[in-house]
Amino acid sequence: MLINPVARLRARLAVSSGLTLLIPLITISAAKAEPTATTPEASISTPFIGSQHSIGKILDLRGEITFQTGSRPVQRSSEKARFSHSSAAQKLRNSGIRWMSSGRCSDHRRRRCTSFHEIRHRTLAGLIRLKRRSDCPVLVTGGTEVGHAPGPFSHMNGYKVDISLNRCVNRFIRSRFPFIGRRGDGAALYHDAKSSSVYAREPNHWDILFR
């Protein structure tokens, strides 16, 4: 409890003058401190609309989003996070991964484009992990654009990408991952159990599913 300075002064004056005064003690309530933010506000943008550089947020390709809103960062699962094309393209570019399209475009609504619109975080992370582990050239030829086979774990839903064939990638996949059979269309399948990904060898590309 704090004594009002004015009341204290009046008391001193009363004593010095020999007067008896009835002086109320006035307390000052400390202002209630605003709570320190330990969790992000709901208004913080998600990766697919605001890129990975939103204020207070760092997107980690290991599978976590770290919010730096206080002295202790709060980590959230990002398995369901998705990216805009520009955000995903920037991450691929920074990892040394190239992409191409026959239509020289990135519109996910056009089948001749190569788009990463709303690609899943785990798909993007898996592709970058493949590049780092293999140390091979990786050229993406298919993303989330229309024109691929439908299904719950499809290109359009952000689970799959196509990459072009080359000796380095071919050798890495075949030597590292066991052959598990053939798909209905005859494509040879190789399974990476560690990352739950499946590599299908099609005539002119690898069709990769990241779960």
Protein backbone atom coordinates (compact mmCIF):
# COMPACT_ATOMS: atom_id res chain seq x y z
CA MET A 1 0.00 0.00 0.00
CA LEU A 2 1.32 3.45 -0.92
CA ILE A 3 0.57 6.69 0.96
CA ASN A 4 -0.50 9.62 -1.12
CA PRO A 5 2.37 12.20 -1.09
CA VAL A 6 -0.13 15.01 -0.48
CA ALA A 7 -1.51 13.28 2.60
CA ARG A 8 2.00 12.70 3.91
CA LEU A 9 2.81 16.40 3.50
CA ARG A 10 -0.36 17.44 5.33
CA ALA A 11 0.50 15.16 8.22
CA ARG A 12 3.93 16.71 8.56
CA LEU A 13 2.44 20.22 8.54
CA ALA A 14 -0.08 19.26 11.20
CA VAL A 15 2.60 17.91 13.51
CA SER A 16 4.86 20.92 13.05
CA SER A 17 2.02 23.39 13.79
CA GLY A 18 0.63 21.48 16.78
CA LEU A 19 -2.73 20.99 15.06
CA THR A 20 -4.73 17.83 15.16
CA LEU A 21 -6.14 17.10 11.71
CA LEU A 22 -8.19 14.21 10.48
CA ILE A 23 -6.33 13.20 7.37
CA PRO A 24 -7.64 10.33 5.26
CA LEU A 25 -5.05 7.98 3.91
CA ILE A 26 -5.42 7.83 0.18
CA THR A 27 -4.03 4.75 -1.47
CA ILE A 28 -2.82 4.59 -5.02
CA SER A 29 -3.60 1.39 -6.90
CA ALA A 30 -0.82 0.32 -9.17
CA ALA A 31 -1.86 0.21 -12.80
CA LYS A 32 -2.53 -3.33 -13.84
CA ALA A 33 0.18 -4.44 -16.23
CA GLU A 34 -0.88 -5.67 -19.62
CA PRO A 35 -0.33 -9.41 -19.93
CA THR A 36 2.71 -10.40 -21.94
CA ALA A 37 1.77 -12.17 -25.15
CA THR A 38 2.81 -15.79 -25.07
CA THR A 39 0.67 -17.02 -27.91
CA PRO A 40 0.12 -15.52 -31.36
CA GLU A 41 -2.99 -13.57 -32.16
CA ALA A 42 -5.49 -15.29 -34.42
CA SER A 43 -5.00 -12.53 -36.95
CA ILE A 44 -1.43 -13.60 -37.79
CA SER A 45 -1.47 -14.63 -41.42
CA THR A 46 -0.99 -18.23 -42.50
CA PRO A 47 1.85 -19.16 -44.89
CA PHE A 48 -0.27 -19.53 -48.01
CA ILE A 49 -1.50 -15.93 -47.93
CA GLY A 50 1.33 -14.04 -46.27
CA SER A 51 4.54 -15.92 -47.07
CA GLN A 52 6.96 -17.17 -44.47
CA HIS A 53 8.08 -13.65 -43.54
CA SER A 54 4.96 -12.54 -41.61
CA ILE A 55 5.73 -10.47 -38.51
CA GLY A 56 6.77 -12.56 -35.54
CA LYS A 57 6.73 -15.82 -37.44
CA ILE A 58 9.50 -18.00 -38.84
CA LEU A 59 8.70 -21.01 -40.93
CA ASP A 60 11.09 -23.89 -40.38
CA LEU A 61 11.29 -26.64 -42.97
CA ARG A 62 11.71 -29.23 -40.23
CA GLY A 63 7.99 -28.96 -39.61
CA GLU A 64 7.42 -26.21 -37.10
CA ILE A 65 6.33 -22.61 -37.03
CA THR A 66 8.04 -20.53 -34.37
CA PHE A 67 6.24 -17.43 -33.15
CA GLN A 68 8.55 -14.88 -31.60
CA THR A 69 5.98 -12.84 -29.71
CA GLY A 70 7.63 -12.93 -26.29
CA SER A 71 10.78 -13.95 -24.52
CA ARG A 72 9.94 -17.59 -25.09
CA PRO A 73 8.92 -18.65 -28.62
CA VAL A 74 5.82 -20.77 -28.99
CA GLN A 75 6.00 -23.64 -31.47
CA ARG A 76 3.07 -24.84 -33.51
CA SER A 77 2.72 -27.80 -35.82
CA SER A 78 2.75 -26.80 -39.48
CA GLU A 79 1.95 -30.11 -41.11
CA LYS A 80 -1.17 -28.58 -42.65
CA ALA A 81 0.50 -25.33 -43.68
CA ARG A 82 0.34 -24.34 -47.34
CA PHE A 83 2.17 -21.81 -49.45
CA SER A 84 1.45 -19.36 -52.20
CA HIS A 85 3.31 -19.94 -55.45
CA SER A 86 5.68 -17.04 -54.85
CA SER A 87 6.58 -18.16 -51.31
CA ALA A 88 7.21 -21.75 -52.38
CA ALA A 89 9.18 -20.66 -55.43
CA GLN A 90 11.44 -18.52 -53.28
CA LYS A 91 12.19 -21.43 -50.94
CA LEU A 92 12.96 -23.73 -53.87
CA ARG A 93 15.18 -21.10 -55.46
CA ASN A 94 17.08 -20.66 -52.20
CA SER A 95 17.63 -24.43 -52.07
CA GLY A 96 19.01 -24.63 -55.61
CA ILE A 97 15.91 -26.28 -57.10
CA ARG A 98 14.72 -25.14 -60.53
CA TRP A 99 11.37 -25.57 -62.27
CA MET A 100 9.99 -25.22 -65.77
CA SER A 101 6.70 -25.32 -67.63
CA SER A 102 5.84 -25.82 -71.27
CA GLY A 103 3.63 -22.73 -71.13
CA ARG A 104 6.20 -20.57 -69.31
CA CYS A 105 3.63 -19.73 -66.63
CA SER A 106 2.61 -20.47 -63.03
CA ASP A 107 -1.20 -20.26 -63.11
CA HIS A 108 -2.56 -23.33 -61.30
CA ARG A 109 -5.72 -23.14 -63.42
CA ARG A 110 -3.80 -23.85 -66.64
CA ARG A 111 -2.46 -27.32 -67.35
CA ARG A 112 0.59 -26.13 -69.31
CA CYS A 113 1.84 -24.14 -66.30
CA THR A 114 3.87 -25.33 -63.34
CA SER A 115 2.41 -23.97 -60.13
CA PHE A 116 3.07 -24.34 -56.41
CA HIS A 117 -0.20 -22.69 -55.43
CA GLU A 118 -1.23 -24.08 -51.99
CA ILE A 119 1.46 -26.74 -52.03
CA ARG A 120 1.77 -28.50 -48.66
CA HIS A 121 4.59 -27.72 -46.28
CA ARG A 122 5.58 -31.40 -46.05
CA THR A 123 5.70 -31.70 -49.83
CA LEU A 124 7.95 -28.69 -50.16
CA ALA A 125 10.14 -29.87 -47.28
CA GLY A 126 10.41 -33.35 -48.79
CA LEU A 127 11.51 -31.96 -52.14
CA ILE A 128 14.19 -29.80 -50.53
CA ARG A 129 15.31 -32.75 -48.43
CA LEU A 130 15.71 -34.84 -51.60
CA LYS A 131 17.90 -32.13 -53.11
CA ARG A 132 20.10 -31.92 -50.01
CA ARG A 133 20.45 -35.66 -49.49
CA SER A 134 21.14 -36.52 -53.12
CA ASP A 135 23.18 -33.45 -54.06
CA CYS A 136 21.70 -33.91 -57.54
CA PRO A 137 20.21 -31.40 -59.96
CA VAL A 138 16.44 -31.25 -59.32
CA LEU A 139 14.14 -29.78 -61.96
CA VAL A 140 10.43 -29.62 -61.13
CA THR A 141 8.10 -30.10 -64.09
CA GLY A 142 4.77 -30.50 -62.32
CA GLY A 143 3.17 -29.05 -59.21
CA THR A 144 -0.38 -28.25 -58.13
CA GLU A 145 -1.71 -27.13 -61.51
CA VAL A 146 -4.70 -28.80 -63.13
CA GLY A 147 -4.29 -31.67 -65.57
CA HIS A 148 -3.00 -34.39 -63.24
CA ALA A 149 -4.86 -37.46 -61.99
CA PRO A 150 -7.44 -36.61 -59.29
CA GLY A 151 -7.58 -38.08 -55.80
CA PRO A 152 -7.13 -37.19 -52.13
CA PHE A 153 -3.31 -37.42 -52.40
CA SER A 154 -3.02 -35.72 -55.77
CA HIS A 155 -1.01 -32.94 -57.36
CA MET A 156 -3.95 -30.56 -57.08
CA ASN A 157 -4.26 -31.22 -53.34
CA GLY A 158 -0.59 -30.38 -52.83
CA TYR A 159 0.75 -33.89 -52.11
CA LYS A 160 2.70 -34.58 -55.31
CA VAL A 161 5.32 -33.07 -57.58
CA ASP A 162 6.98 -34.24 -60.79
CA ILE A 163 10.71 -33.90 -61.37
CA SER A 164 12.64 -34.58 -64.55
CA LEU A 165 14.83 -37.66 -64.97
CA ASN A 166 18.59 -37.48 -64.78
CA ARG A 167 21.30 -40.02 -64.01
CA CYS A 168 22.13 -38.61 -60.60
CA VAL A 169 18.54 -38.56 -59.32
CA ASN A 170 17.73 -41.93 -60.90
CA ARG A 171 20.72 -43.57 -59.26
CA PHE A 172 20.03 -41.98 -55.87
CA ILE A 173 16.38 -43.09 -55.72
CA ARG A 174 17.02 -46.63 -56.92
CA SER A 175 19.98 -47.18 -54.60
CA ARG A 176 18.50 -45.62 -51.47
CA PHE A 177 14.86 -46.71 -51.52
CA PRO A 178 13.54 -50.27 -51.89
CA PHE A 179 11.44 -51.30 -54.89
CA ILE A 180 7.93 -52.11 -53.65
CA GLY A 181 6.13 -53.10 -56.84
CA ARG A 182 4.39 -51.43 -59.75
CA ARG A 183 1.53 -49.03 -60.01
CA GLY A 184 -1.56 -49.80 -62.08
CA ASP A 185 -0.03 -48.02 -65.07
CA GLY A 186 3.18 -50.04 -64.77
CA ALA A 187 5.33 -47.35 -63.13
CA ALA A 188 7.98 -48.80 -60.81
CA LEU A 189 7.51 -47.72 -57.19
CA TYR A 190 10.24 -46.96 -54.63
CA HIS A 191 9.38 -46.23 -51.01
CA ASP A 192 11.20 -43.98 -48.57
CA ALA A 193 9.83 -45.25 -45.25
CA LYS A 194 11.59 -42.55 -43.23
CA SER A 195 9.68 -39.72 -44.88
CA SER A 196 6.65 -41.77 -46.03
CA SER A 197 7.24 -40.76 -49.64
CA VAL A 198 6.76 -42.86 -52.78
CA TYR A 199 8.68 -42.35 -56.04
CA ALA A 200 6.98 -43.56 -59.22
CA ARG A 201 9.19 -43.91 -62.31
CA GLU A 202 7.14 -42.71 -65.26
CA PRO A 203 8.50 -42.64 -68.85
CA ASN A 204 9.80 -39.06 -68.73
CA HIS A 205 9.74 -38.01 -65.06
CA TRP A 206 9.56 -39.07 -61.42
CA ASP A 207 6.10 -38.69 -59.92
CA ILE A 208 6.67 -38.20 -56.18
CA LEU A 209 4.12 -38.48 -53.40
CA PHE A 210 4.99 -36.87 -50.07
CA ARG A 211 2.69 -37.99 -47.22
